[in-house]
C-alpha atoms as a PDB file:
ATOM      1  CA  MET A   1     -36.341 102.581 -64.700  1.00  0.00           C
ATOM      2  CA  ALA A   2     -39.648 103.938 -66.003  1.00  0.00           C
ATOM      3  CA  PHE A   3     -42.710 102.261 -65.100  1.00  0.00           C
ATOM      4  CA  GLU A   4     -44.593 100.756 -68.259  1.00  0.00           C
ATOM      5  CA  LEU A   5     -48.067  99.401 -68.559  1.00  0.00           C
ATOM      6  CA  PRO A   6     -47.686  95.751 -69.596  1.00  0.00           C
ATOM      7  CA  ALA A   7     -50.232  94.294 -72.174  1.00  0.00           C
ATOM      8  CA  LEU A   8     -52.789  91.931 -70.799  1.00  0.00           C
ATOM      9  CA  PRO A   9     -51.702  88.382 -71.187  1.00  0.00           C
ATOM     10  CA  TYR A  10     -55.138  87.382 -72.586  1.00  0.00           C
ATOM     11  CA  ALA A  11     -57.735  89.008 -74.703  1.00  0.00           C
ATOM     12  CA  TYR A  12     -60.253  91.537 -73.064  1.00  0.00           C
ATOM     13  CA  ASP A  13     -63.088  89.045 -73.327  1.00  0.00           C
ATOM     14  CA  SER A  14     -61.289  86.017 -72.149  1.00  0.00           C
ATOM     15  CA  LEU A  15     -62.341  85.919 -68.627  1.00  0.00           C
ATOM     16  CA  ALA A  16     -66.150  86.459 -69.220  1.00  0.00           C
ATOM     17  CA  PRO A  17     -68.366  85.840 -67.620  1.00  0.00           C
ATOM     18  CA  PHE A  18     -66.436  86.009 -64.282  1.00  0.00           C
ATOM     19  CA  MET A  19     -64.604  89.373 -65.282  1.00  0.00           C
ATOM     20  CA  SER A  20     -66.039  91.397 -68.237  1.00  0.00           C
ATOM     21  CA  ALA A  21     -64.111  92.916 -71.282  1.00  0.00           C
ATOM     22  CA  GLU A  22     -65.726  96.139 -69.969  1.00  0.00           C
ATOM     23  CA  THR A  23     -64.099  95.760 -66.643  1.00  0.00           C
ATOM     24  CA  LEU A  24     -60.883  94.870 -67.946  1.00  0.00           C
ATOM     25  CA  GLU A  25     -60.795  97.826 -70.454  1.00  0.00           C
ATOM     26  CA  PHE A  26     -61.400 100.143 -67.581  1.00  0.00           C
ATOM     27  CA  HIS A  27     -59.283  98.564 -64.852  1.00  0.00           C
ATOM     28  CA  HIS A  28     -56.174  97.903 -67.142  1.00  0.00           C
ATOM     29  CA  ASP A  29     -56.261 100.685 -69.699  1.00  0.00           C
ATOM     30  CA  LYS A  30     -57.650 103.519 -67.273  1.00  0.00           C
ATOM     31  CA  HIS A  31     -56.791 102.724 -63.634  1.00  0.00           C
ATOM     32  CA  HIS A  32     -53.528 100.850 -64.139  1.00  0.00           C
ATOM     33  CA  GLN A  33     -52.450 103.219 -66.941  1.00  0.00           C
ATOM     34  CA  ALA A  34     -52.961 106.172 -64.422  1.00  0.00           C
ATOM     35  CA  TYR A  35     -50.717 104.456 -61.635  1.00  0.00           C
ATOM     36  CA  VAL A  36     -47.882 104.110 -64.253  1.00  0.00           C
ATOM     37  CA  THR A  37     -48.384 107.827 -65.454  1.00  0.00           C
ATOM     38  CA  ASN A  38     -48.549 109.198 -61.893  1.00  0.00           C
ATOM     39  CA  GLY A  39     -45.831 106.828 -60.664  1.00  0.00           C
ATOM     40  CA  ASN A  40     -43.423 107.887 -63.276  1.00  0.00           C
ATOM     41  CA  ASN A  41     -43.960 111.638 -62.710  1.00  0.00           C
ATOM     42  CA  LEU A  42     -43.515 110.980 -58.901  1.00  0.00           C
ATOM     43  CA  LEU A  43     -40.397 108.701 -59.613  1.00  0.00           C
ATOM     44  CA  LYS A  44     -38.623 111.711 -61.099  1.00  0.00           C
ATOM     45  CA  ASP A  45     -36.242 113.252 -58.555  1.00  0.00           C
ATOM     46  CA  SER A  46     -37.265 110.920 -55.962  1.00  0.00           C
ATOM     47  CA  GLY A  47     -33.719 109.380 -55.371  1.00  0.00           C
ATOM     48  CA  LEU A  48     -35.240 105.899 -56.239  1.00  0.00           C
ATOM     49  CA  GLU A  49     -35.053 106.139 -60.176  1.00  0.00           C
ATOM     50  CA  GLY A  50     -32.396 103.480 -60.587  1.00  0.00           C
ATOM     51  CA  LEU A  51     -34.031 100.815 -58.506  1.00  0.00           C
ATOM     52  CA  SER A  52     -36.305  97.879 -59.213  1.00  0.00           C
ATOM     53  CA  LEU A  53     -40.043  98.474 -58.980  1.00  0.00           C
ATOM     54  CA  GLU A  54     -40.071  95.996 -55.528  1.00  0.00           C
ATOM     55  CA  GLU A  55     -37.352  98.414 -54.173  1.00  0.00           C
ATOM     56  CA  VAL A  56     -39.248 101.597 -55.039  1.00  0.00           C
ATOM     57  CA  VAL A  57     -42.263  99.972 -53.341  1.00  0.00           C
ATOM     58  CA  LYS A  58     -40.275  98.967 -50.113  1.00  0.00           C
ATOM     59  CA  GLN A  59     -38.333 102.210 -50.086  1.00  0.00           C
ATOM     60  CA  SER A  60     -40.916 104.706 -50.689  1.00  0.00           C
ATOM     61  CA  TYR A  61     -43.306 103.165 -47.906  1.00  0.00           C
ATOM     62  CA  GLY A  62     -43.791 105.648 -45.224  1.00  0.00           C
ATOM     63  CA  LYS A  63     -41.584 108.240 -46.717  1.00  0.00           C
ATOM     64  CA  ASN A  64     -43.208 109.163 -50.174  1.00  0.00           C
ATOM     65  CA  ALA A  65     -46.900 108.395 -50.081  1.00  0.00           C
ATOM     66  CA  GLY A  66     -47.737 109.579 -53.411  1.00  0.00           C
ATOM     67  CA  LEU A  67     -45.178 107.629 -55.063  1.00  0.00           C
ATOM     68  CA  PHE A  68     -45.700 104.573 -52.896  1.00  0.00           C
ATOM     69  CA  ASN A  69     -49.548 104.409 -53.557  1.00  0.00           C
ATOM     70  CA  ASN A  70     -48.800 104.422 -57.425  1.00  0.00           C
ATOM     71  CA  ALA A  71     -45.704 102.118 -57.308  1.00  0.00           C
ATOM     72  CA  GLY A  72     -47.411  99.751 -55.018  1.00  0.00           C
ATOM     73  CA  GLN A  73     -50.553  99.592 -57.328  1.00  0.00           C
ATOM     74  CA  HIS A  74     -48.243  99.085 -60.583  1.00  0.00           C
ATOM     75  CA  TYR A  75     -46.735  96.202 -58.648  1.00  0.00           C
ATOM     76  CA  ASN A  76     -49.939  94.640 -57.485  1.00  0.00           C
ATOM     77  CA  HIS A  77     -51.612  94.993 -60.875  1.00  0.00           C
ATOM     78  CA  ILE A  78     -48.475  93.649 -62.876  1.00  0.00           C
ATOM     79  CA  HIS A  79     -49.106  90.257 -61.006  1.00  0.00           C
ATOM     80  CA  PHE A  80     -53.075  90.617 -60.775  1.00  0.00           C
ATOM     81  CA  TRP A  81     -53.281  90.204 -64.657  1.00  0.00           C
ATOM     82  CA  ASN A  82     -51.087  87.057 -64.540  1.00  0.00           C
ATOM     83  CA  TRP A  83     -52.784  85.547 -61.440  1.00  0.00           C
ATOM     84  CA  MET A  84     -55.976  85.289 -63.758  1.00  0.00           C
ATOM     85  CA  LYS A  85     -56.352  83.125 -66.934  1.00  0.00           C
ATOM     86  CA  LYS A  86     -59.257  81.597 -68.866  1.00  0.00           C
ATOM     87  CA  ASP A  87     -60.692  78.413 -67.461  1.00  0.00           C
ATOM     88  CA  GLY A  88     -58.563  78.989 -64.244  1.00  0.00           C
ATOM     89  CA  GLY A  89     -59.382  78.529 -60.648  1.00  0.00           C
ATOM     90  CA  GLY A  90     -60.719  75.473 -58.695  1.00  0.00           C
ATOM     91  CA  ASN A  91     -58.739  72.972 -56.692  1.00  0.00           C
ATOM     92  CA  LYS A  92     -56.514  71.375 -59.212  1.00  0.00           C
ATOM     93  CA  LEU A  93     -53.321  72.907 -57.634  1.00  0.00           C
ATOM     94  CA  PRO A  94     -49.890  72.009 -58.905  1.00  0.00           C
ATOM     95  CA  GLY A  95     -48.588  69.232 -56.568  1.00  0.00           C
ATOM     96  CA  LYS A  96     -45.999  71.348 -54.626  1.00  0.00           C
ATOM     97  CA  LEU A  97     -48.482  74.180 -53.947  1.00  0.00           C
ATOM     98  CA  GLN A  98     -51.115  71.705 -52.770  1.00  0.00           C
ATOM     99  CA  ALA A  99     -48.655  70.220 -50.221  1.00  0.00           C
ATOM    100  CA  ALA A 100     -48.047  73.428 -48.995  1.00  0.00           C
ATOM    101  CA  VAL A 101     -51.692  74.550 -48.896  1.00  0.00           C
ATOM    102  CA  ASP A 102     -52.317  71.437 -46.971  1.00  0.00           C
ATOM    103  CA  SER A 103     -49.641  71.730 -44.626  1.00  0.00           C
ATOM    104  CA  ASP A 104     -49.839  75.482 -43.876  1.00  0.00           C
ATOM    105  CA  LEU A 105     -53.358  76.507 -44.334  1.00  0.00           C
ATOM    106  CA  GLY A 106     -55.354  73.243 -43.560  1.00  0.00           C
ATOM    107  CA  GLY A 107     -56.358  72.286 -47.112  1.00  0.00           C
ATOM    108  CA  TYR A 108     -57.769  73.866 -50.089  1.00  0.00           C
ATOM    109  CA  ASP A 109     -61.461  74.225 -48.514  1.00  0.00           C
ATOM    110  CA  LYS A 110     -59.935  76.161 -45.642  1.00  0.00           C
ATOM    111  CA  PHE A 111     -57.836  78.340 -47.983  1.00  0.00           C
ATOM    112  CA  LYS A 112     -60.705  79.327 -50.016  1.00  0.00           C
ATOM    113  CA  ALA A 113     -62.813  80.098 -47.138  1.00  0.00           C
ATOM    114  CA  ASP A 114     -60.155  82.168 -45.509  1.00  0.00           C
ATOM    115  CA  PHE A 115     -58.982  84.072 -48.680  1.00  0.00           C
ATOM    116  CA  VAL A 116     -62.592  85.038 -49.529  1.00  0.00           C
ATOM    117  CA  ALA A 117     -63.264  86.046 -45.964  1.00  0.00           C
ATOM    118  CA  ALA A 118     -59.963  88.262 -46.159  1.00  0.00           C
ATOM    119  CA  GLY A 119     -61.157  89.981 -49.206  1.00  0.00           C
ATOM    120  CA  THR A 120     -64.754  90.382 -47.984  1.00  0.00           C
ATOM    121  CA  THR A 121     -63.543  91.822 -44.637  1.00  0.00           C
ATOM    122  CA  GLN A 122     -61.024  94.257 -46.046  1.00  0.00           C
ATOM    123  CA  PHE A 123     -62.814  97.580 -45.183  1.00  0.00           C
ATOM    124  CA  GLY A 124     -62.852 100.075 -47.983  1.00  0.00           C
ATOM    125  CA  SER A 125     -60.202  99.547 -50.942  1.00  0.00           C
ATOM    126  CA  GLY A 126     -57.412  96.850 -50.864  1.00  0.00           C
ATOM    127  CA  TRP A 127     -56.378  93.483 -51.693  1.00  0.00           C
ATOM    128  CA  ALA A 128     -56.410  89.876 -50.044  1.00  0.00           C
ATOM    129  CA  TRP A 129     -53.204  87.999 -50.328  1.00  0.00           C
ATOM    130  CA  LEU A 130     -51.639  84.462 -50.092  1.00  0.00           C
ATOM    131  CA  SER A 131     -47.873  85.073 -49.362  1.00  0.00           C
ATOM    132  CA  VAL A 132     -44.825  83.237 -48.103  1.00  0.00           C
ATOM    133  CA  LYS A 133     -43.448  84.319 -44.668  1.00  0.00           C
ATOM    134  CA  ASP A 134     -40.604  82.502 -42.999  1.00  0.00           C
ATOM    135  CA  GLY A 135     -41.037  79.602 -45.398  1.00  0.00           C
ATOM    136  CA  LYS A 136     -44.815  79.339 -44.697  1.00  0.00           C
ATOM    137  CA  LEU A 137     -48.140  80.149 -46.550  1.00  0.00           C
ATOM    138  CA  GLU A 138     -50.202  82.715 -44.862  1.00  0.00           C
ATOM    139  CA  ILE A 139     -53.305  84.770 -45.813  1.00  0.00           C
ATOM    140  CA  SER A 140     -53.668  88.360 -45.239  1.00  0.00           C
ATOM    141  CA  LYS A 141     -55.194  91.370 -46.330  1.00  0.00           C
ATOM    142  CA  THR A 142     -53.903  95.175 -46.775  1.00  0.00           C
ATOM    143  CA  PRO A 143     -55.375  98.519 -47.472  1.00  0.00           C
ATOM    144  CA  ASN A 144     -55.191 100.593 -50.644  1.00  0.00           C
ATOM    145  CA  GLY A 145     -52.069  99.771 -52.729  1.00  0.00           C
ATOM    146  CA  GLU A 146     -50.266  98.134 -49.805  1.00  0.00           C
ATOM    147  CA  SER A 147     -48.818  94.381 -50.315  1.00  0.00           C
ATOM    148  CA  PRO A 148     -46.870  91.807 -48.228  1.00  0.00           C
ATOM    149  CA  LEU A 149     -43.909  93.089 -49.896  1.00  0.00           C
ATOM    150  CA  ILE A 150     -43.606  95.829 -47.129  1.00  0.00           C
ATOM    151  CA  HIS A 151     -44.492  93.379 -44.198  1.00  0.00           C
ATOM    152  CA  GLY A 152     -41.549  91.193 -44.536  1.00  0.00           C
ATOM    153  CA  ALA A 153     -43.401  88.445 -47.015  1.00  0.00           C
ATOM    154  CA  SER A 154     -43.435  87.460 -50.527  1.00  0.00           C
ATOM    155  CA  PRO A 155     -46.921  87.837 -52.127  1.00  0.00           C
ATOM    156  CA  ILE A 156     -47.651  84.736 -54.587  1.00  0.00           C
ATOM    157  CA  LEU A 157     -51.446  85.487 -55.170  1.00  0.00           C
ATOM    158  CA  GLY A 158     -53.394  88.729 -54.571  1.00  0.00           C
ATOM    159  CA  VAL A 159     -57.017  89.718 -55.532  1.00  0.00           C
ATOM    160  CA  ASP A 160     -58.087  93.284 -56.230  1.00  0.00           C
ATOM    161  CA  VAL A 161     -60.970  94.231 -53.918  1.00  0.00           C
ATOM    162  CA  TRP A 162     -61.066  97.855 -54.847  1.00  0.00           C
ATOM    163  CA  GLU A 163     -64.592  98.650 -56.303  1.00  0.00           C
ATOM    164  CA  HIS A 164     -63.424  99.153 -59.858  1.00  0.00           C
ATOM    165  CA  SER A 165     -62.305  95.632 -59.940  1.00  0.00           C
ATOM    166  CA  TYR A 166     -65.804  94.117 -59.559  1.00  0.00           C
ATOM    167  CA  TYR A 167     -68.618  96.836 -59.617  1.00  0.00           C
ATOM    168  CA  ILE A 168     -69.485  96.539 -63.175  1.00  0.00           C
ATOM    169  CA  ASP A 169     -69.770  92.837 -63.211  1.00  0.00           C
ATOM    170  CA  TYR A 170     -70.883  92.311 -59.328  1.00  0.00           C
ATOM    171  CA  ARG A 171     -72.249  95.700 -58.309  1.00  0.00           C
ATOM    172  CA  ASN A 172     -71.826  95.463 -54.404  1.00  0.00           C
ATOM    173  CA  ALA A 173     -71.651  91.625 -54.211  1.00  0.00           C
ATOM    174  CA  ARG A 174     -67.950  91.552 -53.110  1.00  0.00           C
ATOM    175  CA  PRO A 175     -68.080  87.976 -51.729  1.00  0.00           C
ATOM    176  CA  LYS A 176     -69.618  86.697 -55.147  1.00  0.00           C
ATOM    177  CA  TYR A 177     -66.815  88.391 -56.993  1.00  0.00           C
ATOM    178  CA  LEU A 178     -64.217  86.586 -54.713  1.00  0.00           C
ATOM    179  CA  GLU A 179     -65.868  83.281 -55.060  1.00  0.00           C
ATOM    180  CA  ALA A 180     -65.824  83.503 -58.814  1.00  0.00           C
ATOM    181  CA  PHE A 181     -61.892  84.667 -58.706  1.00  0.00           C
ATOM    182  CA  VAL A 182     -61.050  81.508 -56.536  1.00  0.00           C
ATOM    183  CA  ASP A 183     -63.254  79.001 -58.590  1.00  0.00           C
ATOM    184  CA  SER A 184     -62.850  80.077 -62.050  1.00  0.00           C
ATOM    185  CA  LEU A 185     -59.856  82.761 -62.567  1.00  0.00           C
ATOM    186  CA  ILE A 186     -56.807  81.841 -60.527  1.00  0.00           C
ATOM    187  CA  ASN A 187     -53.948  80.877 -62.767  1.00  0.00           C
ATOM    188  CA  TRP A 188     -52.249  78.259 -60.352  1.00  0.00           C
ATOM    189  CA  ASP A 189     -49.387  78.034 -62.633  1.00  0.00           C
ATOM    190  CA  TYR A 190     -48.204  81.679 -62.009  1.00  0.00           C
ATOM    191  CA  VAL A 191     -48.855  81.159 -58.410  1.00  0.00           C
ATOM    192  CA  LEU A 192     -46.546  78.231 -58.258  1.00  0.00           C
ATOM    193  CA  GLU A 193     -43.872  80.134 -60.216  1.00  0.00           C
ATOM    194  CA  MET A 194     -44.118  82.888 -57.628  1.00  0.00           C
ATOM    195  CA  TYR A 195     -44.179  80.163 -54.903  1.00  0.00           C
ATOM    196  CA  GLU A 196     -40.978  78.431 -56.094  1.00  0.00           C
ATOM    197  CA  ALA A 197     -39.102  81.900 -56.468  1.00  0.00           C
ATOM    198  CA  ALA A 198     -40.120  82.812 -52.792  1.00  0.00           C
ATOM    199  CA  THR A 199     -39.012  79.660 -51.330  1.00  0.00           C
ATOM    200  CA  LYS A 200     -35.594  79.161 -53.155  1.00  0.00           C
END
């Protein structure tokens, strides 16, 4: 199964001013495309060609670093584009998700503070996550292209803290980018979809 670059689910300028068209053009068309191209080259003769993307990520981890890095980032980015939408974010979560955030994470305000802190304190490149582990929500962070998938959890929301995700718009102000992501960009409907799939 070859990796393919998905089209963005919105126009390049849809997420402005929180994420600019210039950022999306570079991030999607250049960075994500490179993960797809390199991933496809490394997938050949890896013995993992027939597997789903999730399985390629899990099975290449710790065994084939080049393939894992590109497959992991491809997986992360497929969802990253869908985790954002125009007029997204804020504390209007679908009921079932709100109930889980309240019971597992201490409410929306604590979720936001902890999620922003995870992204801010991820040293160097990486991601901050909201995932389901053993039926409960948890917040975590991972370096580079890792995700909760390889740590026994199901990611339902992630934010990219590689510099190319925010440097054009925010320069070195990573916390400001993370706050804008939570306040104004999260597509809670997509998060709910992934939450429902992870808790079936």
